[in-house]
Amino acid sequence: MAIDHVVKQGEGIESIAFANGWFPDALWNHPSNEELAKKRATGHVLLPGDVVHVPDLRPKSIEVPTGGRHRFQRKGVPSQFKMKLLVDNASVAGIPYKLVIDDGRLTLQGTTGGGGEVEAWIPPDAKKAVITTELHTIETSLAYLDPVDSPTGLVDRLRNLEYLDDVAEGEIDPDDLADAVAAFQDEHGLPPTGKADPDTRQALMTAHGS
């Protein structure tokens, strides 16, 4: 049955599609979600309260001869986890790491890339990741980042990129926010106006990685 799914914190198009038997791209690009796709830069970063229309699935039938055994494989679409590890703004390359998803639901080990990258395929509905190295223990909630054009999305990206103090929780002083935006703009070749215009928001998404 077709539904209108109201997005909750921690959900993105991948987890919504996974829960309803759709491929993420097929659901996001469905004509019924055209207006939402125009509003949001990507289905992977949605705002709580957004509405994703989930149409009925179309049943698929396959003819096979009787009297035999037949194997059918359900296709899965994992999500890609990406994080860059830094120490004093320098990438940490070539160190072993352990990545634990959802308190042990999935455990992976590897070595950071040349830019300090940790990349892995994880379940689309994963909620939490913990990365452990000899230098770090980092716990992060997955899909909890709001769109960059929302106040919370702007603040969280600036905080994650260390332009705002980590302890600056709750309502941010407008002057502090303007100073943070101006500092980001100055370091990324933009006029330091302190106002988050579309060019600044796009550069912030690029620098943050989402």
N, C-alpha and C. Protein backbone atom coordinates (compact mmCIF):
# COMPACT_ATOMS: atom_id res chain seq x y z
N MET A 1 0.84 -1.19 0.00
CA MET A 1 0.00 0.00 0.00
C MET A 1 0.88 1.25 0.00
N ALA A 2 0.57 2.18 -0.86
CA ALA A 2 1.33 3.43 -0.93
C ALA A 2 1.16 4.23 0.36
N ILE A 3 2.25 4.86 0.81
CA ILE A 3 2.20 5.66 2.03
C ILE A 3 2.95 6.97 1.83
N ASP A 4 2.63 7.95 2.66
CA ASP A 4 3.42 9.16 2.75
C ASP A 4 4.21 9.06 4.05
N HIS A 5 5.52 8.87 3.91
CA HIS A 5 6.39 8.64 5.06
C HIS A 5 6.93 9.97 5.56
N VAL A 6 6.63 10.31 6.81
CA VAL A 6 7.15 11.54 7.41
C VAL A 6 8.53 11.24 7.99
N VAL A 7 9.53 11.94 7.50
CA VAL A 7 10.92 11.68 7.89
C VAL A 7 11.14 12.01 9.36
N LYS A 8 11.81 11.09 10.05
CA LYS A 8 12.21 11.29 11.44
C LYS A 8 13.72 11.51 11.49
N GLN A 9 14.17 12.08 12.61
CA GLN A 9 15.61 12.30 12.77
C GLN A 9 16.35 10.97 12.66
N GLY A 10 17.42 10.97 11.88
CA GLY A 10 18.19 9.74 11.69
C GLY A 10 17.79 8.95 10.46
N GLU A 11 16.83 9.46 9.68
CA GLU A 11 16.41 8.76 8.47
C GLU A 11 16.87 9.50 7.22
N GLY A 12 17.17 8.74 6.20
CA GLY A 12 17.47 9.26 4.88
C GLY A 12 16.81 8.39 3.85
N ILE A 13 16.99 8.71 2.59
CA ILE A 13 16.31 7.96 1.54
C ILE A 13 16.74 6.50 1.53
N GLU A 14 17.98 6.22 1.94
CA GLU A 14 18.45 4.83 1.90
C GLU A 14 17.72 3.97 2.93
N SER A 15 17.58 4.47 4.15
CA SER A 15 16.90 3.67 5.18
C SER A 15 15.41 3.56 4.90
N ILE A 16 14.80 4.63 4.37
CA ILE A 16 13.37 4.58 4.05
C ILE A 16 13.11 3.60 2.91
N ALA A 17 13.95 3.66 1.89
CA ALA A 17 13.80 2.73 0.76
C ALA A 17 14.00 1.29 1.21
N PHE A 18 15.02 1.06 2.02
CA PHE A 18 15.33 -0.28 2.51
C PHE A 18 14.16 -0.88 3.28
N ALA A 19 13.52 -0.06 4.12
CA ALA A 19 12.41 -0.54 4.94
C ALA A 19 11.17 -0.85 4.13
N ASN A 20 11.09 -0.27 2.92
CA ASN A 20 9.88 -0.44 2.12
C ASN A 20 10.10 -1.22 0.83
N GLY A 21 11.28 -1.83 0.69
CA GLY A 21 11.52 -2.71 -0.45
C GLY A 21 11.86 -2.00 -1.75
N TRP A 22 12.30 -0.75 -1.67
CA TRP A 22 12.67 0.00 -2.85
C TRP A 22 14.18 0.16 -2.94
N PHE A 23 14.68 0.43 -4.17
CA PHE A 23 16.05 0.89 -4.33
C PHE A 23 16.06 2.40 -4.06
N PRO A 24 17.08 2.92 -3.38
CA PRO A 24 17.07 4.34 -3.03
C PRO A 24 16.91 5.28 -4.22
N ASP A 25 17.67 5.05 -5.28
CA ASP A 25 17.59 5.94 -6.44
C ASP A 25 16.21 5.89 -7.09
N ALA A 26 15.64 4.69 -7.16
CA ALA A 26 14.32 4.55 -7.78
C ALA A 26 13.26 5.31 -6.97
N LEU A 27 13.36 5.24 -5.65
CA LEU A 27 12.38 5.94 -4.81
C LEU A 27 12.58 7.44 -4.87
N TRP A 28 13.83 7.89 -4.78
CA TRP A 28 14.11 9.32 -4.79
C TRP A 28 13.74 9.97 -6.13
N ASN A 29 13.93 9.23 -7.23
CA ASN A 29 13.67 9.78 -8.56
C ASN A 29 12.24 9.51 -9.05
N HIS A 30 11.41 8.92 -8.18
CA HIS A 30 10.02 8.67 -8.57
C HIS A 30 9.30 10.01 -8.74
N PRO A 31 8.45 10.15 -9.76
CA PRO A 31 7.76 11.42 -10.00
C PRO A 31 7.02 11.97 -8.79
N SER A 32 6.54 11.11 -7.92
CA SER A 32 5.78 11.57 -6.76
C SER A 32 6.67 12.29 -5.75
N ASN A 33 8.01 12.13 -5.86
CA ASN A 33 8.94 12.81 -4.95
C ASN A 33 9.68 13.96 -5.64
N GLU A 34 9.17 14.39 -6.77
CA GLU A 34 9.86 15.42 -7.55
C GLU A 34 10.00 16.73 -6.76
N GLU A 35 8.94 17.15 -6.07
CA GLU A 35 8.99 18.42 -5.35
C GLU A 35 10.00 18.37 -4.21
N LEU A 36 10.05 17.24 -3.50
CA LEU A 36 11.02 17.11 -2.42
C LEU A 36 12.45 17.10 -2.97
N ALA A 37 12.65 16.43 -4.12
CA ALA A 37 13.98 16.38 -4.74
C ALA A 37 14.44 17.78 -5.16
N LYS A 38 13.51 18.63 -5.55
CA LYS A 38 13.87 20.01 -5.89
C LYS A 38 14.25 20.81 -4.64
N LYS A 39 13.66 20.45 -3.53
CA LYS A 39 13.86 21.18 -2.28
C LYS A 39 15.16 20.79 -1.59
N ARG A 40 15.52 19.53 -1.67
CA ARG A 40 16.71 19.03 -1.00
C ARG A 40 17.81 18.69 -2.00
N ALA A 41 19.04 19.01 -1.64
CA ALA A 41 20.16 18.75 -2.54
C ALA A 41 20.39 17.26 -2.76
N THR A 42 20.04 16.46 -1.77
CA THR A 42 20.23 15.02 -1.86
C THR A 42 19.24 14.32 -0.95
N GLY A 43 18.83 13.13 -1.33
CA GLY A 43 17.94 12.35 -0.49
C GLY A 43 18.64 11.74 0.71
N HIS A 44 19.96 11.80 0.72
CA HIS A 44 20.70 11.22 1.84
C HIS A 44 20.69 12.12 3.06
N VAL A 45 20.35 13.40 2.87
CA VAL A 45 20.29 14.35 3.98
C VAL A 45 18.93 15.02 3.95
N LEU A 46 18.01 14.52 4.77
CA LEU A 46 16.65 15.03 4.82
C LEU A 46 16.38 15.69 6.17
N LEU A 47 15.36 16.53 6.20
CA LEU A 47 15.00 17.24 7.42
C LEU A 47 13.81 16.55 8.06
N PRO A 48 13.83 16.32 9.37
CA PRO A 48 12.64 15.76 10.02
C PRO A 48 11.40 16.57 9.66
N GLY A 49 10.35 15.86 9.28
CA GLY A 49 9.13 16.51 8.82
C GLY A 49 8.97 16.49 7.32
N ASP A 50 10.07 16.29 6.57
CA ASP A 50 9.94 16.08 5.13
C ASP A 50 9.07 14.86 4.88
N VAL A 51 8.38 14.84 3.75
CA VAL A 51 7.50 13.72 3.42
C VAL A 51 8.00 13.03 2.16
N VAL A 52 8.29 11.74 2.27
CA VAL A 52 8.69 10.91 1.14
C VAL A 52 7.51 10.04 0.75
N HIS A 53 7.05 10.17 -0.49
CA HIS A 53 5.96 9.31 -0.95
C HIS A 53 6.54 7.96 -1.34
N VAL A 54 5.99 6.91 -0.78
CA VAL A 54 6.43 5.54 -1.07
C VAL A 54 5.30 4.84 -1.83
N PRO A 55 5.43 4.73 -3.16
CA PRO A 55 4.36 4.09 -3.96
C PRO A 55 4.29 2.59 -3.71
N ASP A 56 3.22 2.00 -4.19
CA ASP A 56 3.09 0.54 -4.16
C ASP A 56 4.21 -0.09 -4.96
N LEU A 57 4.71 -1.20 -4.46
CA LEU A 57 5.67 -1.99 -5.24
C LEU A 57 4.94 -2.72 -6.35
N ARG A 58 5.60 -2.83 -7.47
CA ARG A 58 5.01 -3.58 -8.59
C ARG A 58 5.50 -5.03 -8.51
N PRO A 59 4.59 -5.98 -8.35
CA PRO A 59 5.04 -7.38 -8.26
C PRO A 59 5.68 -7.83 -9.57
N LYS A 60 6.69 -8.67 -9.43
CA LYS A 60 7.41 -9.20 -10.59
C LYS A 60 7.24 -10.70 -10.62
N SER A 61 6.88 -11.22 -11.77
CA SER A 61 6.69 -12.67 -11.92
C SER A 61 7.72 -13.23 -12.89
N ILE A 62 8.17 -14.43 -12.61
CA ILE A 62 9.15 -15.13 -13.45
C ILE A 62 8.64 -16.54 -13.70
N GLU A 63 8.64 -16.93 -14.94
CA GLU A 63 8.20 -18.29 -15.29
C GLU A 63 9.39 -19.23 -15.23
N VAL A 64 9.20 -20.35 -14.51
CA VAL A 64 10.24 -21.37 -14.40
C VAL A 64 9.59 -22.73 -14.59
N PRO A 65 10.32 -23.70 -15.08
CA PRO A 65 9.75 -25.04 -15.26
C PRO A 65 9.46 -25.71 -13.92
N THR A 66 8.45 -26.50 -13.89
CA THR A 66 8.11 -27.24 -12.67
C THR A 66 9.01 -28.46 -12.53
N GLY A 67 8.99 -29.03 -11.33
CA GLY A 67 9.74 -30.27 -11.10
C GLY A 67 11.19 -30.05 -10.79
N GLY A 68 11.61 -28.83 -10.51
CA GLY A 68 13.01 -28.59 -10.20
C GLY A 68 13.15 -27.59 -9.06
N ARG A 69 14.39 -27.38 -8.66
CA ARG A 69 14.67 -26.40 -7.61
C ARG A 69 15.21 -25.14 -8.28
N HIS A 70 14.77 -24.01 -7.78
CA HIS A 70 15.17 -22.74 -8.38
C HIS A 70 15.61 -21.80 -7.28
N ARG A 71 16.71 -21.13 -7.50
CA ARG A 71 17.25 -20.21 -6.50
C ARG A 71 17.00 -18.77 -6.96
N PHE A 72 16.45 -17.99 -6.04
CA PHE A 72 16.22 -16.57 -6.31
C PHE A 72 17.03 -15.75 -5.31
N GLN A 73 17.68 -14.73 -5.80
CA GLN A 73 18.52 -13.91 -4.94
C GLN A 73 17.94 -12.49 -4.87
N ARG A 74 17.71 -12.06 -3.65
CA ARG A 74 17.22 -10.70 -3.44
C ARG A 74 18.40 -9.74 -3.45
N LYS A 75 18.33 -8.73 -4.30
CA LYS A 75 19.41 -7.76 -4.38
C LYS A 75 19.36 -6.82 -3.19
N GLY A 76 20.54 -6.55 -2.64
CA GLY A 76 20.63 -5.58 -1.55
C GLY A 76 21.43 -4.37 -1.98
N VAL A 77 21.16 -3.25 -1.39
CA VAL A 77 21.88 -2.03 -1.73
C VAL A 77 22.48 -1.47 -0.44
N PRO A 78 23.74 -1.80 -0.13
CA PRO A 78 24.34 -1.27 1.09
C PRO A 78 24.63 0.23 0.94
N SER A 79 24.85 0.88 2.06
CA SER A 79 25.22 2.29 2.08
C SER A 79 26.72 2.40 2.28
N GLN A 80 27.28 3.46 1.75
CA GLN A 80 28.72 3.67 1.92
C GLN A 80 28.98 4.64 3.07
N PHE A 81 29.79 4.18 4.00
CA PHE A 81 30.23 5.00 5.13
C PHE A 81 31.56 5.64 4.77
N LYS A 82 31.68 6.95 4.99
CA LYS A 82 32.94 7.65 4.73
C LYS A 82 33.23 8.60 5.88
N MET A 83 34.47 8.58 6.33
CA MET A 83 34.92 9.55 7.34
C MET A 83 36.41 9.78 7.14
N LYS A 84 36.84 11.01 7.38
CA LYS A 84 38.27 11.34 7.28
C LYS A 84 38.78 11.65 8.68
N LEU A 85 39.86 10.98 9.07
CA LEU A 85 40.45 11.16 10.38
C LEU A 85 41.60 12.17 10.31
N LEU A 86 41.55 13.15 11.22
CA LEU A 86 42.56 14.22 11.26
C LEU A 86 43.10 14.36 12.67
N VAL A 87 44.35 14.80 12.77
CA VAL A 87 44.95 15.21 14.03
C VAL A 87 45.62 16.56 13.78
N ASP A 88 45.17 17.59 14.49
CA ASP A 88 45.68 18.95 14.29
C ASP A 88 45.57 19.36 12.81
N ASN A 89 44.41 19.03 12.23
CA ASN A 89 44.08 19.38 10.84
C ASN A 89 44.96 18.67 9.82
N ALA A 90 45.72 17.67 10.24
CA ALA A 90 46.53 16.87 9.31
C ALA A 90 45.93 15.47 9.22
N SER A 91 45.83 14.95 8.00
CA SER A 91 45.24 13.63 7.81
C SER A 91 46.12 12.55 8.43
N VAL A 92 45.46 11.51 8.93
CA VAL A 92 46.15 10.39 9.57
C VAL A 92 46.08 9.20 8.61
N ALA A 93 47.14 8.99 7.86
CA ALA A 93 47.14 7.97 6.81
C ALA A 93 47.83 6.69 7.27
N GLY A 94 47.30 5.56 6.78
CA GLY A 94 47.98 4.29 6.94
C GLY A 94 47.98 3.72 8.34
N ILE A 95 46.96 4.02 9.16
CA ILE A 95 46.91 3.41 10.49
C ILE A 95 45.72 2.45 10.56
N PRO A 96 45.86 1.35 11.29
CA PRO A 96 44.76 0.39 11.41
C PRO A 96 43.58 0.99 12.16
N TYR A 97 42.39 0.57 11.77
CA TYR A 97 41.19 1.01 12.47
C TYR A 97 40.22 -0.17 12.61
N LYS A 98 39.31 -0.03 13.58
CA LYS A 98 38.19 -0.96 13.71
C LYS A 98 36.91 -0.13 13.67
N LEU A 99 35.99 -0.55 12.84
CA LEU A 99 34.70 0.13 12.69
C LEU A 99 33.61 -0.81 13.19
N VAL A 100 32.85 -0.35 14.20
CA VAL A 100 31.77 -1.15 14.77
C VAL A 100 30.45 -0.42 14.50
N ILE A 101 29.52 -1.12 13.86
CA ILE A 101 28.22 -0.56 13.51
C ILE A 101 27.16 -1.11 14.46
N ASP A 102 26.37 -0.20 15.02
CA ASP A 102 25.21 -0.57 15.86
C ASP A 102 25.57 -1.58 16.94
N ASP A 103 26.61 -1.24 17.73
CA ASP A 103 26.98 -2.06 18.90
C ASP A 103 27.26 -3.51 18.56
N GLY A 104 27.92 -3.72 17.42
CA GLY A 104 28.34 -5.08 17.08
C GLY A 104 27.54 -5.74 15.98
N ARG A 105 26.55 -5.06 15.45
CA ARG A 105 25.80 -5.62 14.33
C ARG A 105 26.73 -5.95 13.16
N LEU A 106 27.76 -5.11 12.97
CA LEU A 106 28.77 -5.33 11.94
C LEU A 106 30.08 -4.78 12.46
N THR A 107 31.15 -5.56 12.33
CA THR A 107 32.48 -5.11 12.73
C THR A 107 33.44 -5.29 11.57
N LEU A 108 34.14 -4.22 11.23
CA LEU A 108 35.07 -4.24 10.10
C LEU A 108 36.41 -3.69 10.54
N GLN A 109 37.47 -4.17 9.91
CA GLN A 109 38.80 -3.67 10.20
C GLN A 109 39.48 -3.29 8.89
N GLY A 110 40.37 -2.33 8.97
CA GLY A 110 41.07 -1.89 7.77
C GLY A 110 42.17 -0.92 8.13
N THR A 111 42.66 -0.21 7.12
CA THR A 111 43.72 0.78 7.27
C THR A 111 43.29 2.07 6.60
N THR A 112 43.49 3.20 7.25
CA THR A 112 43.06 4.47 6.68
C THR A 112 43.80 4.75 5.37
N GLY A 113 43.12 5.46 4.47
CA GLY A 113 43.70 5.80 3.18
C GLY A 113 44.71 6.92 3.28
N GLY A 114 45.22 7.34 2.13
CA GLY A 114 46.27 8.35 2.09
C GLY A 114 45.85 9.69 2.64
N GLY A 115 44.55 9.96 2.62
CA GLY A 115 44.04 11.19 3.19
C GLY A 115 43.38 10.99 4.54
N GLY A 116 43.63 9.85 5.17
CA GLY A 116 43.02 9.55 6.46
C GLY A 116 41.61 9.00 6.35
N GLU A 117 41.23 8.52 5.15
CA GLU A 117 39.85 8.08 4.93
C GLU A 117 39.57 6.71 5.55
N VAL A 118 38.36 6.61 6.08
CA VAL A 118 37.77 5.33 6.46
C VAL A 118 36.53 5.15 5.59
N GLU A 119 36.52 4.11 4.79
CA GLU A 119 35.40 3.86 3.90
C GLU A 119 34.96 2.41 4.02
N ALA A 120 33.63 2.20 4.09
CA ALA A 120 33.12 0.84 4.24
C ALA A 120 31.67 0.79 3.78
N TRP A 121 31.22 -0.40 3.41
CA TRP A 121 29.82 -0.62 3.05
C TRP A 121 29.09 -1.12 4.28
N ILE A 122 27.98 -0.47 4.61
CA ILE A 122 27.25 -0.79 5.83
C ILE A 122 25.76 -0.92 5.52
N PRO A 123 24.96 -1.49 6.43
CA PRO A 123 23.52 -1.60 6.18
C PRO A 123 22.86 -0.23 6.02
N PRO A 124 21.88 -0.11 5.12
CA PRO A 124 21.23 1.18 4.88
C PRO A 124 20.53 1.77 6.09
N ASP A 125 20.13 0.92 7.03
CA ASP A 125 19.40 1.42 8.19
C ASP A 125 20.28 1.51 9.44
N ALA A 126 21.61 1.50 9.26
CA ALA A 126 22.52 1.62 10.40
C ALA A 126 22.32 2.96 11.10
N LYS A 127 22.47 2.97 12.42
CA LYS A 127 22.22 4.17 13.22
C LYS A 127 23.46 4.73 13.91
N LYS A 128 24.45 3.88 14.18
CA LYS A 128 25.60 4.36 14.96
C LYS A 128 26.87 3.70 14.48
N ALA A 129 27.95 4.47 14.49
CA ALA A 129 29.27 3.94 14.12
C ALA A 129 30.28 4.35 15.17
N VAL A 130 31.18 3.42 15.51
CA VAL A 130 32.28 3.72 16.42
C VAL A 130 33.57 3.31 15.72
N ILE A 131 34.48 4.27 15.57
CA ILE A 131 35.78 4.00 14.96
C ILE A 131 36.84 4.07 16.05
N THR A 132 37.69 3.04 16.10
CA THR A 132 38.76 3.00 17.08
C THR A 132 40.09 2.84 16.36
N THR A 133 41.05 3.72 16.68
CA THR A 133 42.42 3.60 16.21
C THR A 133 43.34 3.79 17.42
N GLU A 134 44.63 3.75 17.17
CA GLU A 134 45.57 4.00 18.26
C GLU A 134 45.53 5.46 18.72
N LEU A 135 44.91 6.32 17.90
CA LEU A 135 44.85 7.75 18.21
C LEU A 135 43.46 8.25 18.54
N HIS A 136 42.43 7.51 18.10
CA HIS A 136 41.07 8.01 18.19
C HIS A 136 40.12 6.95 18.76
N THR A 137 39.06 7.41 19.38
CA THR A 137 37.83 6.65 19.54
C THR A 137 36.72 7.64 19.23
N ILE A 138 36.06 7.42 18.11
CA ILE A 138 35.05 8.36 17.63
C ILE A 138 33.73 7.64 17.50
N GLU A 139 32.71 8.18 18.16
CA GLU A 139 31.36 7.66 18.04
C GLU A 139 30.49 8.68 17.31
N THR A 140 29.75 8.23 16.32
CA THR A 140 28.93 9.16 15.56
C THR A 140 27.58 8.54 15.23
N SER A 141 26.55 9.36 15.27
CA SER A 141 25.23 8.93 14.83
C SER A 141 25.13 9.09 13.32
N LEU A 142 24.54 8.13 12.67
CA LEU A 142 24.46 8.14 11.21
C LEU A 142 23.14 8.72 10.74
N ALA A 143 23.19 9.51 9.68
CA ALA A 143 22.01 10.12 9.06
C ALA A 143 21.32 11.12 9.97
N TYR A 144 22.05 11.68 10.94
CA TYR A 144 21.46 12.67 11.84
C TYR A 144 21.79 14.10 11.42
N LEU A 145 22.49 14.26 10.30
CA LEU A 145 22.85 15.59 9.83
C LEU A 145 21.69 16.18 9.03
N ASP A 146 21.29 17.40 9.38
CA ASP A 146 20.20 18.06 8.67
C ASP A 146 20.72 18.74 7.40
N PRO A 147 19.84 19.08 6.45
CA PRO A 147 20.26 19.74 5.21
C PRO A 147 21.01 21.04 5.49
N VAL A 148 21.93 21.39 4.60
CA VAL A 148 22.79 22.55 4.82
C VAL A 148 22.01 23.86 4.79
N ASP A 149 20.82 23.85 4.16
CA ASP A 149 20.04 25.08 4.10
C ASP A 149 19.13 25.25 5.32
N SER A 150 19.24 24.37 6.30
CA SER A 150 18.51 24.52 7.55
C SER A 150 19.45 25.10 8.61
N PRO A 151 18.94 25.83 9.60
CA PRO A 151 19.81 26.40 10.63
C PRO A 151 20.65 25.35 11.35
N THR A 152 20.03 24.22 11.69
CA THR A 152 20.78 23.17 12.41
C THR A 152 21.84 22.54 11.51
N GLY A 153 21.53 22.37 10.22
CA GLY A 153 22.49 21.80 9.29
C GLY A 153 23.71 22.69 9.10
N LEU A 154 23.48 24.00 9.04
CA LEU A 154 24.58 24.97 8.92
C LEU A 154 25.47 24.92 10.16
N VAL A 155 24.84 24.97 11.33
CA VAL A 155 25.60 24.99 12.58
C VAL A 155 26.38 23.70 12.78
N ASP A 156 25.76 22.56 12.52
CA ASP A 156 26.44 21.28 12.74
C ASP A 156 27.66 21.12 11.84
N ARG A 157 27.57 21.56 10.60
CA ARG A 157 28.73 21.46 9.71
C ARG A 157 29.85 22.37 10.16
N LEU A 158 29.51 23.59 10.56
CA LEU A 158 30.54 24.50 11.05
C LEU A 158 31.18 23.95 12.33
N ARG A 159 30.38 23.34 13.17
CA ARG A 159 30.92 22.75 14.40
C ARG A 159 31.82 21.56 14.07
N ASN A 160 31.38 20.70 13.16
CA ASN A 160 32.17 19.52 12.82
C ASN A 160 33.50 19.90 12.18
N LEU A 161 33.51 21.03 11.45
CA LEU A 161 34.74 21.51 10.81
C LEU A 161 35.54 22.43 11.73
N GLU A 162 35.10 22.56 12.98
CA GLU A 162 35.81 23.28 14.04
C GLU A 162 35.85 24.79 13.82
N TYR A 163 34.80 25.31 13.18
CA TYR A 163 34.65 26.76 13.11
C TYR A 163 33.76 27.26 14.25
N LEU A 164 33.06 26.38 14.89
CA LEU A 164 32.30 26.68 16.10
C LEU A 164 32.75 25.75 17.21
N ASP A 165 32.75 26.25 18.42
CA ASP A 165 33.18 25.45 19.56
C ASP A 165 32.25 24.27 19.76
N ASP A 166 32.82 23.10 20.06
CA ASP A 166 32.03 21.89 20.30
C ASP A 166 31.05 22.07 21.45
N VAL A 167 31.37 22.93 22.41
CA VAL A 167 30.49 23.08 23.56
C VAL A 167 29.37 24.08 23.31
N ALA A 168 29.37 24.68 22.11
CA ALA A 168 28.33 25.67 21.79
C ALA A 168 27.05 24.96 21.38
N GLU A 169 26.41 24.33 22.35
CA GLU A 169 25.17 23.61 22.09
C GLU A 169 23.98 24.54 22.23
N GLY A 170 22.83 24.09 21.76
CA GLY A 170 21.62 24.90 21.87
C GLY A 170 21.65 26.06 20.91
N GLU A 171 20.98 27.16 21.28
CA GLU A 171 20.89 28.31 20.41
C GLU A 171 22.24 29.02 20.32
N ILE A 172 22.71 29.27 19.10
CA ILE A 172 24.01 29.89 18.87
C ILE A 172 23.84 31.40 18.79
N ASP A 173 24.74 32.12 19.44
CA ASP A 173 24.73 33.58 19.36
C ASP A 173 24.91 34.00 17.89
N PRO A 174 24.06 34.89 17.37
CA PRO A 174 24.15 35.29 15.96
C PRO A 174 25.52 35.84 15.58
N ASP A 175 26.16 36.57 16.49
CA ASP A 175 27.48 37.12 16.19
C ASP A 175 28.53 36.01 16.07
N ASP A 176 28.43 35.01 16.96
CA ASP A 176 29.36 33.88 16.88
C ASP A 176 29.17 33.11 15.57
N LEU A 177 27.92 32.93 15.17
CA LEU A 177 27.64 32.22 13.93
C LEU A 177 28.17 33.00 12.73
N ALA A 178 27.94 34.31 12.72
CA ALA A 178 28.44 35.14 11.61
C ALA A 178 29.97 35.09 11.54
N ASP A 179 30.63 35.12 12.71
CA ASP A 179 32.10 35.04 12.74
C ASP A 179 32.58 33.70 12.18
N ALA A 180 31.87 32.62 12.54
CA ALA A 180 32.25 31.29 12.05
C ALA A 180 32.08 31.19 10.54
N VAL A 181 30.96 31.71 10.04
CA VAL A 181 30.72 31.70 8.60
C VAL A 181 31.79 32.52 7.88
N ALA A 182 32.11 33.70 8.41
CA ALA A 182 33.12 34.55 7.78
C ALA A 182 34.50 33.88 7.77
N ALA A 183 34.84 33.18 8.86
CA ALA A 183 36.12 32.47 8.92
C ALA A 183 36.17 31.36 7.87
N PHE A 184 35.06 30.63 7.74
CA PHE A 184 35.01 29.58 6.72
C PHE A 184 35.14 30.20 5.33
N GLN A 185 34.41 31.26 5.07
CA GLN A 185 34.46 31.90 3.76
C GLN A 185 35.88 32.37 3.43
N ASP A 186 36.53 32.99 4.40
CA ASP A 186 37.88 33.52 4.18
C ASP A 186 38.86 32.41 3.82
N GLU A 187 38.72 31.25 4.48
CA GLU A 187 39.64 30.14 4.23
C GLU A 187 39.32 29.39 2.95
N HIS A 188 38.16 29.65 2.35
CA HIS A 188 37.76 28.94 1.14
C HIS A 188 37.56 29.87 -0.05
N GLY A 189 38.21 31.03 0.00
CA GLY A 189 38.24 31.92 -1.14
C GLY A 189 36.94 32.61 -1.46
N LEU A 190 36.09 32.80 -0.45
CA LEU A 190 34.81 33.46 -0.64
C LEU A 190 34.82 34.80 0.11
N PRO A 191 34.05 35.77 -0.34
CA PRO A 191 33.97 37.04 0.39
C PRO A 191 33.50 36.81 1.82
N PRO A 192 34.26 37.26 2.81
CA PRO A 192 33.89 36.98 4.22
C PRO A 192 32.78 37.88 4.72
N THR A 193 31.58 37.64 4.22
CA THR A 193 30.43 38.46 4.58
C THR A 193 29.79 38.04 5.89
N GLY A 194 30.04 36.79 6.30
CA GLY A 194 29.38 36.25 7.49
C GLY A 194 27.97 35.78 7.24
N LYS A 195 27.53 35.83 5.98
CA LYS A 195 26.19 35.38 5.62
C LYS A 195 26.28 34.11 4.79
N ALA A 196 25.45 33.13 5.14
CA ALA A 196 25.50 31.82 4.48
C ALA A 196 24.70 31.85 3.19
N ASP A 197 25.29 32.43 2.13
CA ASP A 197 24.63 32.48 0.84
C ASP A 197 24.76 31.12 0.14
N PRO A 198 24.11 30.93 -1.02
CA PRO A 198 24.16 29.62 -1.69
C PRO A 198 25.58 29.14 -2.00
N ASP A 199 26.48 30.03 -2.42
CA ASP A 199 27.86 29.61 -2.71
C ASP A 199 28.56 29.11 -1.45
N THR A 200 28.29 29.79 -0.33
CA THR A 200 28.90 29.37 0.93
C THR A 200 28.37 28.01 1.37
N ARG A 201 27.07 27.82 1.23
CA ARG A 201 26.48 26.54 1.64
C ARG A 201 27.01 25.40 0.77
N GLN A 202 27.18 25.65 -0.53
CA GLN A 202 27.71 24.61 -1.41
C GLN A 202 29.15 24.28 -1.03
N ALA A 203 29.96 25.32 -0.75
CA ALA A 203 31.34 25.08 -0.35
C ALA A 203 31.41 24.34 0.99
N LEU A 204 30.46 24.63 1.87
CA LEU A 204 30.42 23.97 3.16
C LEU A 204 30.08 22.50 3.01
N MET A 205 29.14 22.19 2.11
CA MET A 205 28.83 20.79 1.84
C MET A 205 30.04 20.05 1.28
N THR A 206 30.77 20.71 0.37
CA THR A 206 31.95 20.08 -0.24
C THR A 206 33.03 19.83 0.81
N ALA A 207 33.29 20.83 1.63
CA ALA A 207 34.32 20.70 2.65
C ALA A 207 33.96 19.64 3.69
N HIS A 208 32.68 19.57 4.01
CA HIS A 208 32.22 18.63 5.03
C HIS A 208 32.09 17.22 4.48
N GLY A 209 31.83 17.11 3.18
CA GLY A 209 31.67 15.81 2.56
C GLY A 209 30.22 15.41 2.42
N SER A 210 29.30 16.25 2.88
CA SER A 210 27.86 15.97 2.75
C SER A 210 27.09 17.23 3.10
